[in-house]
Protein backbone atom coordinates (compact mmCIF):
# COMPACT_ATOMS: atom_id res chain seq x y z
CA MET A 1 81.51 -58.99 -71.82
CA ASP A 2 83.06 -57.51 -74.81
CA LEU A 3 81.52 -59.51 -77.72
CA THR A 4 84.65 -58.68 -80.03
CA LYS A 5 87.84 -59.65 -80.98
CA ASN A 6 88.10 -62.75 -78.22
CA THR A 7 89.41 -66.03 -79.60
CA VAL A 8 86.57 -69.01 -78.89
CA LEU A 9 86.60 -72.82 -78.82
CA ILE A 10 83.75 -74.41 -79.69
CA SER A 11 83.72 -78.30 -79.05
CA GLY A 12 81.18 -79.62 -81.57
CA GLY A 13 81.26 -76.78 -83.76
CA SER A 14 80.42 -78.24 -87.33
CA ALA A 15 76.89 -78.54 -87.30
CA GLY A 16 73.89 -77.50 -85.38
CA ILE A 17 73.87 -74.86 -82.37
CA GLY A 18 77.77 -75.00 -82.04
CA PHE A 19 78.04 -73.52 -85.95
CA GLU A 20 75.53 -71.09 -85.59
CA ILE A 21 77.14 -69.72 -82.60
CA ALA A 22 80.43 -69.96 -84.45
CA LYS A 23 78.59 -67.89 -87.07
CA LEU A 24 77.20 -65.07 -84.76
CA LEU A 25 80.79 -64.73 -83.16
CA ILE A 26 82.70 -64.25 -86.22
CA GLU A 27 80.00 -61.48 -87.46
CA GLN A 28 81.29 -59.41 -84.62
CA GLY A 29 84.38 -59.75 -84.72
CA ASN A 30 85.85 -62.77 -83.15
CA HIS A 31 88.13 -65.91 -84.31
CA VAL A 32 86.76 -68.89 -83.85
CA ILE A 33 88.10 -72.75 -83.17
CA ILE A 34 85.27 -75.40 -83.99
CA THR A 35 86.27 -78.60 -82.79
CA GLY A 36 84.78 -82.20 -83.77
CA ARG A 37 85.33 -85.72 -85.00
CA ASP A 38 85.11 -85.77 -88.56
CA GLN A 39 88.11 -83.45 -90.31
CA ALA A 40 85.71 -83.21 -93.81
CA ARG A 41 82.78 -81.98 -91.86
CA LEU A 42 84.57 -79.47 -89.95
CA ASP A 43 86.07 -78.57 -93.45
CA ALA A 44 82.75 -78.53 -94.71
CA ALA A 45 81.79 -75.81 -91.99
CA ALA A 46 84.89 -73.93 -92.10
CA SER A 47 84.16 -72.82 -95.74
CA GLN A 48 80.49 -71.69 -94.95
CA LEU A 49 82.88 -69.17 -92.09
CA THR A 50 85.48 -66.52 -92.71
CA ASP A 51 87.90 -66.04 -89.58
CA VAL A 52 88.08 -70.01 -88.49
CA THR A 53 90.14 -72.44 -87.55
CA ALA A 54 89.25 -76.15 -87.67
CA ILE A 55 90.32 -78.94 -85.51
CA ALA A 56 89.90 -82.63 -85.37
CA PHE A 57 90.01 -84.09 -82.01
CA ASP A 58 87.42 -86.47 -80.03
CA VAL A 59 86.29 -84.79 -76.60
CA THR A 60 86.17 -88.28 -75.07
CA LYS A 61 89.96 -89.10 -75.60
CA GLU A 62 92.43 -87.88 -72.85
CA LYS A 63 95.05 -87.93 -75.19
CA ASP A 64 93.17 -85.96 -77.89
CA ALA A 65 92.25 -83.46 -75.10
CA ASP A 66 95.87 -82.92 -74.37
CA GLN A 67 97.37 -82.53 -77.46
CA LEU A 68 94.27 -79.83 -78.38
CA VAL A 69 95.60 -77.85 -75.39
CA GLU A 70 99.06 -77.65 -75.54
CA ARG A 71 98.23 -76.67 -79.43
CA ILE A 72 95.70 -73.65 -78.42
CA LYS A 73 98.58 -72.76 -75.94
CA THR A 74 101.24 -72.20 -78.75
CA GLU A 75 99.11 -71.05 -81.50
CA PHE A 76 96.34 -69.57 -79.91
CA PRO A 77 97.89 -68.16 -76.41
CA GLU A 78 94.90 -65.42 -76.36
CA LEU A 79 92.31 -67.97 -75.94
CA ASN A 80 89.68 -66.63 -73.77
CA MET A 81 86.56 -68.27 -74.32
CA LEU A 82 85.76 -71.91 -74.25
CA ILE A 83 81.95 -73.26 -75.29
CA ASN A 84 81.68 -76.77 -74.07
CA ASN A 85 79.05 -78.39 -77.04
CA VAL A 86 79.61 -81.51 -78.12
CA GLY A 87 77.01 -83.82 -76.71
CA LEU A 88 75.28 -87.38 -77.40
CA GLY A 89 71.50 -88.29 -76.65
CA ASN A 90 70.13 -91.58 -76.87
CA THR A 91 65.84 -92.10 -76.70
CA TYR A 92 64.41 -95.33 -75.30
CA ASN A 93 61.76 -96.90 -72.89
CA MET A 94 62.97 -97.14 -70.01
CA ILE A 95 61.62 -100.23 -69.00
CA SER A 96 61.84 -102.50 -71.84
CA GLY A 97 65.38 -103.50 -72.03
CA GLY A 98 68.41 -102.52 -74.14
CA ARG A 99 71.33 -102.86 -71.84
CA SER A 100 70.86 -98.78 -70.82
CA TRP A 101 73.70 -98.79 -68.73
CA GLU A 102 76.01 -98.48 -71.88
CA LYS A 103 73.58 -95.75 -73.11
CA ALA A 104 74.31 -93.77 -70.08
CA ASP A 105 78.16 -94.30 -70.15
CA ALA A 106 78.62 -92.89 -73.27
CA GLU A 107 76.50 -90.20 -72.38
CA MET A 108 78.05 -89.29 -69.63
CA GLN A 109 81.49 -89.61 -71.01
CA THR A 110 80.83 -87.31 -73.95
CA ASN A 111 78.23 -85.07 -71.86
CA TYR A 112 80.03 -84.67 -68.49
CA ILE A 113 83.48 -86.04 -68.08
CA SER A 114 84.59 -85.18 -71.35
CA LEU A 115 83.33 -81.22 -70.39
CA VAL A 116 85.04 -81.33 -66.83
CA ARG A 117 88.12 -82.56 -68.37
CA LEU A 118 88.68 -80.30 -71.37
CA THR A 119 87.23 -77.18 -68.76
CA GLU A 120 90.10 -78.32 -66.52
CA LYS A 121 92.53 -78.81 -68.51
CA PHE A 122 92.35 -75.00 -70.58
CA LEU A 123 91.31 -73.46 -67.08
CA PRO A 124 95.02 -71.77 -66.66
CA GLN A 125 94.96 -70.48 -69.94
CA LEU A 126 91.27 -69.05 -68.96
CA LEU A 127 93.10 -67.31 -66.10
CA SER A 128 95.81 -66.01 -67.33
CA GLN A 129 93.69 -64.04 -69.19
CA LYS A 130 92.40 -60.41 -68.82
CA PHE A 131 88.64 -62.10 -68.62
CA ALA A 132 87.22 -64.96 -70.34
CA ALA A 133 84.27 -66.82 -70.37
CA ILE A 134 83.05 -70.10 -70.29
CA VAL A 135 79.76 -71.66 -71.65
CA ASN A 136 78.12 -75.05 -70.70
CA VAL A 137 75.46 -76.46 -72.60
CA SER A 138 73.36 -78.16 -71.23
CA SER A 139 69.71 -78.43 -71.52
CA ILE A 140 66.36 -78.08 -69.58
CA VAL A 141 65.99 -81.63 -69.08
CA ALA A 142 68.62 -80.61 -66.30
CA LEU A 143 65.66 -79.15 -64.53
CA ALA A 144 62.96 -81.42 -65.45
CA PRO A 145 63.62 -84.82 -67.37
CA GLY A 146 62.45 -86.30 -70.20
CA LEU A 147 61.07 -89.60 -70.11
CA ASN A 148 62.12 -91.11 -73.50
CA ILE A 149 65.75 -89.43 -73.15
CA PRO A 150 66.21 -90.45 -69.16
CA THR A 151 70.22 -90.71 -69.20
CA TYR A 152 70.89 -87.89 -71.45
CA SER A 153 68.66 -85.91 -68.75
CA ALA A 154 70.62 -87.28 -66.35
CA SER A 155 74.12 -86.10 -67.94
CA LYS A 156 72.92 -82.53 -68.25
CA ALA A 157 71.43 -82.58 -64.68
CA ALA A 158 75.36 -83.12 -63.96
CA VAL A 159 76.42 -80.46 -65.81
CA HIS A 160 74.37 -77.94 -64.49
CA SER A 161 75.39 -79.20 -60.88
CA TYR A 162 79.04 -78.56 -62.12
CA THR A 163 78.46 -75.52 -64.17
CA GLU A 164 77.04 -73.96 -60.71
CA LEU A 165 79.86 -75.16 -58.35
CA LEU A 166 82.23 -73.68 -61.09
CA ARG A 167 80.76 -69.89 -61.22
CA LEU A 168 80.54 -70.24 -57.46
CA ALA A 169 84.45 -71.41 -57.53
CA LEU A 170 85.44 -68.55 -60.03
CA ARG A 171 83.66 -65.93 -58.49
CA ASP A 172 86.71 -63.57 -57.59
CA THR A 173 88.27 -63.98 -60.99
CA GLY A 174 88.08 -62.76 -64.34
CA VAL A 175 86.72 -65.82 -65.55
CA LYS A 176 82.81 -65.93 -66.08
CA VAL A 177 80.86 -69.15 -66.27
CA PHE A 178 77.82 -69.34 -68.15
CA GLU A 179 75.31 -72.27 -68.85
CA LEU A 180 72.88 -72.28 -72.17
CA MET A 181 69.57 -74.26 -71.20
CA PRO A 182 67.68 -74.71 -75.31
CA PRO A 183 64.38 -76.89 -75.70
CA LEU A 184 64.12 -78.69 -78.38
CA VAL A 185 66.45 -77.84 -81.30
CA ASN A 186 66.13 -78.59 -85.30
CA THR A 187 69.31 -79.93 -85.79
CA GLU A 188 70.44 -83.23 -86.91
CA PHE A 189 71.79 -84.09 -82.99
CA SER A 190 68.18 -84.39 -82.34
CA LYS A 191 66.23 -86.16 -84.92
CA GLU A 192 65.76 -89.14 -83.30
CA ILE A 193 63.92 -87.31 -80.32
CA GLY A 194 61.43 -85.13 -82.99
CA GLY A 195 63.42 -82.21 -83.45
CA GLU A 196 61.80 -81.27 -86.85
CA ASN A 197 59.57 -79.59 -84.15
CA GLY A 198 62.07 -77.83 -82.20
CA ILE A 199 63.56 -74.10 -82.57
CA PRO A 200 66.09 -72.97 -84.89
CA ALA A 201 69.91 -73.36 -83.76
CA SER A 202 70.12 -69.90 -85.05
CA GLU A 203 67.44 -68.90 -82.20
CA VAL A 204 69.58 -70.39 -79.62
CA ALA A 205 72.74 -68.96 -80.57
CA SER A 206 71.27 -65.53 -80.53
CA ASP A 207 70.32 -65.62 -77.22
CA LEU A 208 73.25 -66.65 -75.97
CA LEU A 209 74.94 -63.43 -77.52
CA ALA A 210 72.35 -61.29 -75.69
CA ALA A 211 73.41 -63.25 -72.75
CA PHE A 212 77.26 -61.98 -72.87
CA GLU A 213 75.74 -58.37 -73.45
CA ASN A 214 74.50 -58.51 -70.28
CA ASP A 215 76.01 -60.79 -67.87
CA GLU A 216 73.03 -63.30 -67.85
CA TYR A 217 74.53 -66.79 -66.68
CA GLU A 218 71.99 -69.36 -66.87
CA ILE A 219 70.20 -68.69 -70.18
CA HIS A 220 66.62 -70.22 -70.53
CA VAL A 221 66.28 -70.54 -74.52
CA GLY A 222 62.35 -70.18 -76.01
CA ASN A 223 59.86 -72.19 -73.64
CA THR A 224 62.29 -73.45 -71.39
CA ALA A 225 61.84 -69.76 -69.22
CA GLY A 226 58.52 -71.44 -68.61
CA ILE A 227 59.49 -74.86 -67.42
CA TYR A 228 62.13 -73.23 -65.39
CA ALA A 229 59.74 -70.83 -64.04
CA LEU A 230 57.35 -74.17 -62.97
CA SER A 231 60.53 -75.85 -61.86
CA ARG A 232 61.06 -73.37 -59.00
CA THR A 233 57.53 -73.55 -57.99
CA SER A 234 56.35 -77.23 -58.35
CA PRO A 235 59.15 -79.57 -59.63
CA SER A 236 56.78 -82.00 -60.10
CA ALA A 237 54.13 -79.85 -61.96
CA ALA A 238 57.40 -79.18 -64.37
CA LEU A 239 58.30 -82.90 -64.40
CA LEU A 240 54.64 -84.04 -65.65
CA ALA A 241 54.89 -80.62 -68.18
CA MET A 242 58.16 -81.86 -69.63
CA ASN A 243 56.41 -85.19 -70.29
CA GLY A 244 53.06 -84.11 -71.73
CA LEU A 245 51.22 -85.45 -68.84
């Protein structure tokens, strides 16, 4: 797909993967709208970019989503790319207690339900464009879950399933559906699970742009390609490999 003169909305665009994607897309000649809950963080991110609009909103609140959609319709009717990047993750031991269902509820609301809601609300606008794209950021743990991030893994598995079906549903339209599957990435988000050992967020962004150019719809970044291949031949071996067993 053409990587210039698009209007792109990135949820969770003030830092990490979202920020790096915004940076590269702007360099390609696109206008990028970054969103997040913290206006100060958004403004700080925007100050490092050029052709950008920063809008604060809480992806988990339907009222906020409705207000965002209406604002975009009015101010950016040409919007043709939605990147669902915002995420929440918890690390914990499954058998030691700690009210894991509360963590699961928060992760599913942020990572999955909010993604489905925002996608559905923007879909009429995207369908009205000559060509458009949706990018859902999941994770390789959607295919081989991590023992220390069990309900985060489950939420990303839900995103993977939804994305496959959305791509199928939109097969005869001008909307292309991509899924970005990063490994561990060195961001503030992943600090709790050893993110300092992960790949740079800029590498994830570069792989996404390359996938756009090649119409590669499921993007396995870094060593996730190996886990993906293993999961196709032996899901049990991929599970053990993901967890260092």
